[in-house]
N, C-alpha and C. Protein backbone atom coordinates (compact mmCIF):
# COMPACT_ATOMS: atom_id res chain seq x y z
N MET A 1 -13.22 -8.41 -62.58
CA MET A 1 -12.46 -7.25 -62.19
C MET A 1 -13.00 -6.60 -60.92
N PRO A 2 -14.34 -6.59 -60.67
CA PRO A 2 -14.83 -5.99 -59.43
C PRO A 2 -14.25 -6.70 -58.20
N PHE A 3 -14.04 -8.04 -58.31
CA PHE A 3 -13.48 -8.78 -57.18
C PHE A 3 -12.07 -8.29 -56.87
N ALA A 4 -11.26 -8.12 -57.88
CA ALA A 4 -9.89 -7.64 -57.70
C ALA A 4 -9.88 -6.23 -57.11
N LYS A 5 -10.79 -5.38 -57.62
CA LYS A 5 -10.87 -4.01 -57.13
C LYS A 5 -11.29 -4.00 -55.66
N ASN A 6 -12.29 -4.82 -55.31
CA ASN A 6 -12.75 -4.91 -53.92
C ASN A 6 -11.65 -5.49 -53.03
N SER A 7 -10.91 -6.46 -53.55
CA SER A 7 -9.82 -7.06 -52.78
C SER A 7 -8.74 -6.04 -52.48
N ILE A 8 -8.41 -5.22 -53.47
CA ILE A 8 -7.39 -4.18 -53.27
C ILE A 8 -7.87 -3.17 -52.23
N ILE A 9 -9.15 -2.80 -52.32
CA ILE A 9 -9.71 -1.85 -51.34
C ILE A 9 -9.68 -2.47 -49.94
N LEU A 10 -10.04 -3.76 -49.84
CA LEU A 10 -10.04 -4.45 -48.56
C LEU A 10 -8.62 -4.52 -47.99
N ILE A 11 -7.65 -4.82 -48.83
CA ILE A 11 -6.25 -4.87 -48.39
C ILE A 11 -5.80 -3.49 -47.90
N GLN A 12 -6.19 -2.44 -48.63
CA GLN A 12 -5.82 -1.08 -48.22
C GLN A 12 -6.44 -0.73 -46.86
N ILE A 13 -7.70 -1.13 -46.69
CA ILE A 13 -8.36 -0.86 -45.40
C ILE A 13 -7.64 -1.60 -44.28
N CYS A 14 -7.30 -2.88 -44.51
CA CYS A 14 -6.60 -3.67 -43.49
C CYS A 14 -5.24 -3.06 -43.17
N LEU A 15 -4.51 -2.64 -44.18
CA LEU A 15 -3.20 -2.03 -43.95
C LEU A 15 -3.34 -0.72 -43.17
N THR A 16 -4.35 0.06 -43.52
CA THR A 16 -4.59 1.32 -42.81
C THR A 16 -4.93 1.06 -41.35
N LEU A 17 -5.83 0.09 -41.12
CA LEU A 17 -6.22 -0.22 -39.74
C LEU A 17 -5.04 -0.76 -38.94
N SER A 18 -4.22 -1.60 -39.55
CA SER A 18 -3.08 -2.15 -38.81
C SER A 18 -2.07 -1.07 -38.49
N SER A 19 -1.89 -0.09 -39.38
CA SER A 19 -0.95 0.99 -39.09
C SER A 19 -1.52 1.92 -38.02
N VAL A 20 -2.84 2.10 -38.01
CA VAL A 20 -3.47 2.91 -36.96
C VAL A 20 -3.29 2.22 -35.62
N ASN A 21 -3.54 0.90 -35.57
CA ASN A 21 -3.38 0.15 -34.32
C ASN A 21 -1.94 0.17 -33.85
N ALA A 22 -0.98 0.15 -34.77
CA ALA A 22 0.42 0.16 -34.39
C ALA A 22 0.81 1.49 -33.75
N ASN A 23 0.09 2.56 -34.10
CA ASN A 23 0.41 3.88 -33.56
C ASN A 23 -0.32 4.20 -32.26
N VAL A 24 -1.27 3.34 -31.87
CA VAL A 24 -2.02 3.58 -30.64
C VAL A 24 -1.08 3.31 -29.46
N ALA A 25 -0.94 4.30 -28.61
CA ALA A 25 -0.05 4.16 -27.46
C ALA A 25 -0.70 3.30 -26.39
N THR A 26 0.13 2.66 -25.60
CA THR A 26 -0.35 1.92 -24.46
C THR A 26 -0.97 2.92 -23.49
N PRO A 27 -2.19 2.65 -23.00
CA PRO A 27 -2.80 3.59 -22.05
C PRO A 27 -1.89 3.80 -20.84
N ALA A 28 -1.70 5.05 -20.47
CA ALA A 28 -0.86 5.39 -19.31
C ALA A 28 -1.74 6.02 -18.24
N ILE A 29 -1.62 5.50 -17.03
CA ILE A 29 -2.43 5.98 -15.91
C ILE A 29 -1.48 6.41 -14.79
N ALA A 30 -1.71 7.57 -14.24
CA ALA A 30 -0.92 8.06 -13.11
C ALA A 30 -1.73 7.88 -11.83
N VAL A 31 -1.10 7.31 -10.83
CA VAL A 31 -1.72 7.15 -9.51
C VAL A 31 -0.92 8.01 -8.54
N ILE A 32 -1.60 8.89 -7.85
CA ILE A 32 -0.94 9.78 -6.90
C ILE A 32 -1.05 9.18 -5.51
N GLY A 33 0.09 8.85 -4.93
CA GLY A 33 0.13 8.30 -3.58
C GLY A 33 0.42 6.82 -3.59
N ALA A 34 1.36 6.40 -2.73
CA ALA A 34 1.74 4.99 -2.65
C ALA A 34 1.43 4.41 -1.28
N GLY A 35 0.39 4.96 -0.66
CA GLY A 35 -0.11 4.36 0.58
C GLY A 35 -1.06 3.23 0.22
N ILE A 36 -1.88 2.83 1.16
CA ILE A 36 -2.80 1.72 0.89
C ILE A 36 -3.81 2.10 -0.18
N GLY A 37 -4.22 3.37 -0.25
CA GLY A 37 -5.18 3.80 -1.27
C GLY A 37 -4.60 3.71 -2.67
N GLY A 38 -3.43 4.31 -2.87
CA GLY A 38 -2.79 4.28 -4.19
C GLY A 38 -2.40 2.88 -4.61
N THR A 39 -1.92 2.10 -3.65
CA THR A 39 -1.55 0.72 -3.95
C THR A 39 -2.78 -0.09 -4.35
N SER A 40 -3.88 0.11 -3.64
CA SER A 40 -5.13 -0.59 -3.96
C SER A 40 -5.64 -0.20 -5.34
N VAL A 41 -5.62 1.10 -5.64
CA VAL A 41 -6.07 1.56 -6.96
C VAL A 41 -5.24 0.91 -8.05
N SER A 42 -3.93 0.87 -7.88
CA SER A 42 -3.05 0.26 -8.87
C SER A 42 -3.38 -1.22 -9.06
N TYR A 43 -3.60 -1.91 -7.96
CA TYR A 43 -3.94 -3.33 -8.01
C TYR A 43 -5.26 -3.55 -8.76
N PHE A 44 -6.29 -2.77 -8.42
CA PHE A 44 -7.59 -2.94 -9.06
C PHE A 44 -7.56 -2.53 -10.53
N LEU A 45 -6.78 -1.53 -10.89
CA LEU A 45 -6.63 -1.16 -12.31
C LEU A 45 -6.00 -2.31 -13.08
N LYS A 46 -4.97 -2.92 -12.50
CA LYS A 46 -4.31 -4.05 -13.17
C LYS A 46 -5.30 -5.20 -13.35
N GLU A 47 -6.14 -5.45 -12.35
CA GLU A 47 -7.17 -6.49 -12.47
C GLU A 47 -8.20 -6.12 -13.54
N LEU A 48 -8.63 -4.86 -13.56
CA LEU A 48 -9.64 -4.40 -14.50
C LEU A 48 -9.16 -4.53 -15.95
N PHE A 49 -7.90 -4.22 -16.18
CA PHE A 49 -7.34 -4.26 -17.53
C PHE A 49 -6.46 -5.50 -17.73
N GLU A 50 -6.82 -6.62 -17.12
CA GLU A 50 -5.96 -7.80 -17.14
C GLU A 50 -5.65 -8.30 -18.54
N ASP A 51 -6.55 -8.12 -19.50
CA ASP A 51 -6.33 -8.61 -20.86
C ASP A 51 -5.70 -7.55 -21.76
N GLU A 52 -5.50 -6.37 -21.24
CA GLU A 52 -4.94 -5.28 -22.04
C GLU A 52 -3.63 -4.82 -21.41
N GLU A 53 -2.77 -4.29 -22.25
CA GLU A 53 -1.52 -3.76 -21.74
C GLU A 53 -1.74 -2.31 -21.32
N ILE A 54 -1.42 -2.01 -20.07
CA ILE A 54 -1.52 -0.63 -19.59
C ILE A 54 -0.23 -0.29 -18.84
N GLU A 55 0.02 0.98 -18.72
CA GLU A 55 1.19 1.46 -17.98
C GLU A 55 0.68 2.25 -16.79
N ILE A 56 1.07 1.81 -15.60
CA ILE A 56 0.65 2.49 -14.38
C ILE A 56 1.89 3.08 -13.72
N ASP A 57 1.89 4.39 -13.53
CA ASP A 57 2.98 5.07 -12.83
C ASP A 57 2.44 5.55 -11.49
N VAL A 58 3.14 5.21 -10.42
CA VAL A 58 2.73 5.61 -9.08
C VAL A 58 3.69 6.70 -8.60
N TYR A 59 3.13 7.82 -8.17
CA TYR A 59 3.92 8.95 -7.69
C TYR A 59 3.69 9.13 -6.20
N GLU A 60 4.77 9.26 -5.45
CA GLU A 60 4.68 9.41 -4.01
C GLU A 60 5.67 10.49 -3.57
N SER A 61 5.21 11.46 -2.81
CA SER A 61 6.08 12.56 -2.39
C SER A 61 6.95 12.20 -1.18
N LYS A 62 6.51 11.24 -0.40
CA LYS A 62 7.28 10.92 0.81
C LYS A 62 7.87 9.52 0.73
N LYS A 63 7.12 8.52 1.16
CA LYS A 63 7.64 7.15 1.15
C LYS A 63 6.53 6.16 0.79
N VAL A 64 6.93 5.08 0.16
CA VAL A 64 5.98 4.03 -0.18
C VAL A 64 5.48 3.41 1.13
N GLY A 65 4.19 3.17 1.20
CA GLY A 65 3.60 2.57 2.38
C GLY A 65 2.70 3.51 3.15
N GLY A 66 2.75 4.79 2.82
CA GLY A 66 1.87 5.75 3.49
C GLY A 66 2.09 5.79 4.98
N ARG A 67 1.03 5.56 5.75
CA ARG A 67 1.11 5.63 7.21
C ARG A 67 1.80 4.43 7.84
N LEU A 68 1.99 3.36 7.06
CA LEU A 68 2.61 2.17 7.64
C LEU A 68 4.06 2.46 7.97
N ALA A 69 4.45 2.16 9.19
CA ALA A 69 5.81 2.46 9.61
C ALA A 69 6.13 1.69 10.88
N THR A 70 7.39 1.75 11.26
CA THR A 70 7.82 1.20 12.53
C THR A 70 8.58 2.29 13.28
N VAL A 71 8.66 2.13 14.59
CA VAL A 71 9.41 3.08 15.41
C VAL A 71 10.21 2.27 16.43
N ASP A 72 11.40 2.75 16.73
CA ASP A 72 12.28 2.10 17.69
C ASP A 72 12.13 2.81 19.04
N ILE A 73 11.71 2.06 20.06
CA ILE A 73 11.57 2.62 21.41
C ILE A 73 12.38 1.74 22.34
N ASP A 74 13.40 2.31 22.93
CA ASP A 74 14.26 1.59 23.88
C ASP A 74 14.78 0.28 23.30
N GLY A 75 15.17 0.29 22.04
CA GLY A 75 15.75 -0.89 21.40
C GLY A 75 14.74 -1.90 20.89
N LEU A 76 13.46 -1.65 21.08
CA LEU A 76 12.43 -2.55 20.56
C LEU A 76 11.71 -1.87 19.40
N VAL A 77 11.38 -2.64 18.36
CA VAL A 77 10.72 -2.09 17.18
C VAL A 77 9.23 -2.38 17.27
N TYR A 78 8.43 -1.32 17.10
CA TYR A 78 6.98 -1.43 17.16
C TYR A 78 6.36 -0.97 15.85
N GLU A 79 5.27 -1.63 15.46
CA GLU A 79 4.50 -1.17 14.30
C GLU A 79 3.66 0.01 14.74
N VAL A 80 3.63 1.04 13.89
CA VAL A 80 2.81 2.22 14.19
C VAL A 80 2.04 2.60 12.93
N GLY A 81 1.09 3.49 13.08
CA GLY A 81 0.34 3.93 11.90
C GLY A 81 -0.84 3.02 11.64
N GLY A 82 -0.97 2.59 10.42
CA GLY A 82 -2.12 1.78 10.01
C GLY A 82 -2.00 0.35 10.46
N SER A 83 -1.99 0.12 11.74
CA SER A 83 -1.81 -1.24 12.25
C SER A 83 -3.13 -1.93 12.58
N VAL A 84 -4.24 -1.22 12.46
CA VAL A 84 -5.55 -1.78 12.78
C VAL A 84 -6.40 -1.79 11.52
N ILE A 85 -7.03 -2.92 11.23
CA ILE A 85 -7.92 -3.04 10.08
C ILE A 85 -9.35 -3.10 10.60
N HIS A 86 -10.17 -2.18 10.16
CA HIS A 86 -11.57 -2.18 10.57
C HIS A 86 -12.23 -3.45 10.03
N PRO A 87 -12.99 -4.17 10.85
CA PRO A 87 -13.58 -5.44 10.40
C PRO A 87 -14.53 -5.31 9.22
N ASP A 88 -15.12 -4.15 8.99
CA ASP A 88 -16.04 -3.97 7.87
C ASP A 88 -15.35 -3.49 6.59
N ASN A 89 -14.02 -3.35 6.61
CA ASN A 89 -13.30 -2.90 5.43
C ASN A 89 -13.17 -4.07 4.45
N ARG A 90 -14.06 -4.13 3.48
CA ARG A 90 -14.12 -5.29 2.57
C ARG A 90 -12.89 -5.38 1.67
N TYR A 91 -12.28 -4.24 1.35
CA TYR A 91 -11.09 -4.29 0.49
C TYR A 91 -9.91 -4.92 1.23
N MET A 92 -9.70 -4.51 2.47
CA MET A 92 -8.60 -5.10 3.24
C MET A 92 -8.88 -6.57 3.52
N SER A 93 -10.14 -6.91 3.77
CA SER A 93 -10.49 -8.32 3.97
C SER A 93 -10.18 -9.11 2.70
N HIS A 94 -10.48 -8.52 1.53
CA HIS A 94 -10.18 -9.16 0.24
C HIS A 94 -8.68 -9.39 0.10
N PHE A 95 -7.87 -8.38 0.42
CA PHE A 95 -6.42 -8.52 0.31
C PHE A 95 -5.88 -9.57 1.27
N CYS A 96 -6.43 -9.61 2.48
CA CYS A 96 -5.99 -10.61 3.46
C CYS A 96 -6.23 -12.02 2.93
N LYS A 97 -7.41 -12.24 2.36
CA LYS A 97 -7.72 -13.57 1.80
C LYS A 97 -6.86 -13.85 0.57
N LYS A 98 -6.80 -12.89 -0.34
CA LYS A 98 -6.09 -13.07 -1.62
C LYS A 98 -4.61 -13.40 -1.40
N PHE A 99 -3.97 -12.72 -0.44
CA PHE A 99 -2.54 -12.89 -0.24
C PHE A 99 -2.22 -13.73 1.00
N ASP A 100 -3.23 -14.45 1.50
CA ASP A 100 -3.08 -15.37 2.63
C ASP A 100 -2.45 -14.69 3.85
N LEU A 101 -2.96 -13.50 4.16
CA LEU A 101 -2.51 -12.78 5.34
C LEU A 101 -3.44 -13.11 6.50
N HIS A 102 -2.89 -13.26 7.66
CA HIS A 102 -3.70 -13.65 8.82
C HIS A 102 -3.77 -12.50 9.82
N LYS A 103 -4.95 -12.29 10.35
CA LYS A 103 -5.14 -11.25 11.36
C LYS A 103 -4.69 -11.78 12.71
N LYS A 104 -4.12 -10.90 13.48
CA LYS A 104 -3.73 -11.26 14.83
C LYS A 104 -4.74 -10.66 15.79
N GLU A 105 -5.40 -11.50 16.54
CA GLU A 105 -6.36 -11.01 17.53
C GLU A 105 -5.59 -10.47 18.73
N VAL A 106 -5.94 -9.29 19.17
CA VAL A 106 -5.21 -8.68 20.27
C VAL A 106 -6.05 -8.54 21.54
N GLY A 107 -7.33 -8.87 21.47
CA GLY A 107 -8.23 -8.68 22.60
C GLY A 107 -7.81 -9.40 23.86
N ASN A 108 -7.35 -10.63 23.76
CA ASN A 108 -7.02 -11.41 24.95
C ASN A 108 -5.52 -11.56 25.15
N SER A 109 -4.75 -10.63 24.62
CA SER A 109 -3.31 -10.78 24.73
C SER A 109 -2.83 -10.20 26.06
N SER A 110 -1.61 -10.55 26.41
CA SER A 110 -1.02 -10.01 27.64
C SER A 110 -0.34 -8.68 27.39
N HIS A 111 -0.35 -8.21 26.15
CA HIS A 111 0.28 -6.94 25.81
C HIS A 111 -0.60 -5.77 26.24
N VAL A 112 0.04 -4.66 26.52
CA VAL A 112 -0.72 -3.47 26.87
C VAL A 112 -0.61 -2.46 25.74
N PHE A 113 -1.61 -1.61 25.66
CA PHE A 113 -1.68 -0.55 24.66
C PHE A 113 -1.02 0.70 25.22
N GLY A 114 -0.30 1.41 24.37
CA GLY A 114 0.32 2.65 24.81
C GLY A 114 0.26 3.69 23.71
N LEU A 115 0.30 4.96 24.11
CA LEU A 115 0.36 6.07 23.15
C LEU A 115 1.74 6.70 23.26
N TYR A 116 2.38 6.83 22.12
CA TYR A 116 3.73 7.37 22.03
C TYR A 116 3.68 8.64 21.21
N ASP A 117 4.23 9.74 21.71
CA ASP A 117 4.14 11.03 21.01
C ASP A 117 5.40 11.39 20.23
N GLY A 118 6.32 10.47 20.07
CA GLY A 118 7.57 10.74 19.37
C GLY A 118 8.71 10.99 20.34
N ASN A 119 8.38 11.33 21.57
CA ASN A 119 9.40 11.57 22.59
C ASN A 119 9.34 10.54 23.71
N GLY A 120 8.16 10.09 24.00
CA GLY A 120 7.98 9.13 25.07
C GLY A 120 6.55 8.63 25.12
N ILE A 121 6.32 7.64 25.97
CA ILE A 121 4.97 7.09 26.12
C ILE A 121 4.17 8.04 27.00
N VAL A 122 3.05 8.53 26.47
CA VAL A 122 2.23 9.50 27.20
C VAL A 122 1.02 8.85 27.86
N PHE A 123 0.70 7.64 27.46
CA PHE A 123 -0.40 6.91 28.08
C PHE A 123 -0.12 5.42 27.93
N GLU A 124 -0.33 4.69 29.01
CA GLU A 124 -0.15 3.24 28.95
C GLU A 124 -1.33 2.56 29.62
N GLU A 125 -1.88 1.58 28.92
CA GLU A 125 -3.01 0.81 29.41
C GLU A 125 -2.60 0.01 30.64
N SER A 126 -3.53 -0.17 31.55
CA SER A 126 -3.31 -1.01 32.72
C SER A 126 -3.84 -2.41 32.42
N PRO A 127 -3.31 -3.42 33.07
CA PRO A 127 -3.88 -4.77 32.89
C PRO A 127 -5.31 -4.85 33.44
N HIS A 128 -5.69 -3.86 34.24
CA HIS A 128 -7.03 -3.83 34.83
C HIS A 128 -7.90 -2.83 34.07
N TYR A 129 -8.99 -3.31 33.51
CA TYR A 129 -9.86 -2.50 32.66
C TYR A 129 -10.33 -1.22 33.35
N ILE A 130 -10.81 -1.33 34.59
CA ILE A 130 -11.36 -0.16 35.29
C ILE A 130 -10.27 0.90 35.52
N VAL A 131 -9.05 0.46 35.80
CA VAL A 131 -7.94 1.41 35.99
C VAL A 131 -7.65 2.13 34.68
N THR A 132 -7.67 1.40 33.57
CA THR A 132 -7.44 2.01 32.26
C THR A 132 -8.51 3.04 31.97
N MET A 133 -9.78 2.71 32.24
CA MET A 133 -10.88 3.65 31.98
C MET A 133 -10.74 4.92 32.81
N ILE A 134 -10.37 4.78 34.07
CA ILE A 134 -10.19 5.95 34.94
C ILE A 134 -9.03 6.81 34.42
N LYS A 135 -7.92 6.17 34.04
CA LYS A 135 -6.77 6.91 33.50
C LYS A 135 -7.15 7.65 32.22
N MET A 136 -7.94 6.99 31.36
CA MET A 136 -8.35 7.63 30.10
C MET A 136 -9.28 8.81 30.36
N LEU A 137 -10.25 8.62 31.26
CA LEU A 137 -11.16 9.72 31.59
C LEU A 137 -10.40 10.89 32.20
N TRP A 138 -9.44 10.59 33.09
CA TRP A 138 -8.65 11.64 33.73
C TRP A 138 -7.85 12.43 32.70
N ARG A 139 -7.23 11.72 31.76
CA ARG A 139 -6.35 12.37 30.78
C ARG A 139 -7.11 13.01 29.62
N TYR A 140 -8.13 12.29 29.09
CA TYR A 140 -8.77 12.73 27.84
C TYR A 140 -10.24 13.11 27.98
N GLY A 141 -10.82 12.93 29.13
CA GLY A 141 -12.25 13.23 29.29
C GLY A 141 -13.07 12.30 28.41
N LEU A 142 -14.14 12.82 27.82
CA LEU A 142 -15.01 12.01 26.97
C LEU A 142 -14.62 12.10 25.49
N ASN A 143 -13.53 12.77 25.18
CA ASN A 143 -13.10 12.93 23.78
C ASN A 143 -12.95 11.61 23.03
N PRO A 144 -12.35 10.56 23.62
CA PRO A 144 -12.23 9.30 22.86
C PRO A 144 -13.58 8.70 22.48
N LEU A 145 -14.58 8.81 23.36
CA LEU A 145 -15.91 8.28 23.04
C LEU A 145 -16.55 9.07 21.91
N THR A 146 -16.43 10.40 21.98
CA THR A 146 -16.98 11.26 20.93
C THR A 146 -16.30 10.96 19.61
N LEU A 147 -14.97 10.85 19.64
CA LEU A 147 -14.22 10.55 18.42
C LEU A 147 -14.62 9.19 17.86
N SER A 148 -14.76 8.20 18.72
CA SER A 148 -15.14 6.86 18.27
C SER A 148 -16.48 6.87 17.55
N LYS A 149 -17.45 7.59 18.09
CA LYS A 149 -18.77 7.68 17.45
C LYS A 149 -18.68 8.38 16.10
N LYS A 150 -17.88 9.44 16.03
CA LYS A 150 -17.73 10.16 14.76
C LYS A 150 -17.04 9.30 13.71
N VAL A 151 -16.03 8.55 14.13
CA VAL A 151 -15.32 7.66 13.20
C VAL A 151 -16.26 6.58 12.69
N GLU A 152 -17.03 5.96 13.57
CA GLU A 152 -17.98 4.92 13.16
C GLU A 152 -19.00 5.47 12.17
N LYS A 153 -19.50 6.67 12.44
CA LYS A 153 -20.47 7.30 11.54
C LYS A 153 -19.85 7.56 10.17
N MET A 154 -18.62 8.08 10.16
CA MET A 154 -17.95 8.36 8.90
C MET A 154 -17.67 7.06 8.13
N LEU A 155 -17.18 6.04 8.82
CA LEU A 155 -16.86 4.77 8.16
C LEU A 155 -18.10 4.09 7.61
N SER A 156 -19.24 4.26 8.27
CA SER A 156 -20.46 3.61 7.80
C SER A 156 -20.86 4.09 6.41
N LYS A 157 -20.43 5.28 6.03
CA LYS A 157 -20.73 5.80 4.69
C LYS A 157 -19.94 5.07 3.61
N PHE A 158 -18.83 4.44 3.98
CA PHE A 158 -17.96 3.78 3.01
C PHE A 158 -18.08 2.27 3.03
N MET A 159 -18.73 1.71 4.02
CA MET A 159 -18.79 0.25 4.15
C MET A 159 -20.04 -0.32 3.54
């Protein structure tokens, strides 16, 4: 009789546990922002919980893609925003490898760099390096160099 009593208790425990598990909700995670940060977080959460079912909701107040965008200038479409990937950004390097994305080297291209303010081009690079440097110094002074050093210092904390 003790065996039967223990079996009934064991069955009751199993039924109780199975009903508790049936009532456990799927974990729900909210990600705020659908730019590269929010998209990356969602991707890594999905990887982290690959063997478990989770629900990820992404909320974005403006548009998916964050800073990534294009602009039409004189009938030509240009990429603007997050078009440059810092070489030390290991997460973007990971995504490039994972999704077979290829970087385009721009250093030796025949294209010129320009700054567009939404109304027109306010600065355009010259094919001659020294001319570009003089134009930049004339227009912006040493601000780009100061900014570059500050950006490098800030990025070094995250790399």
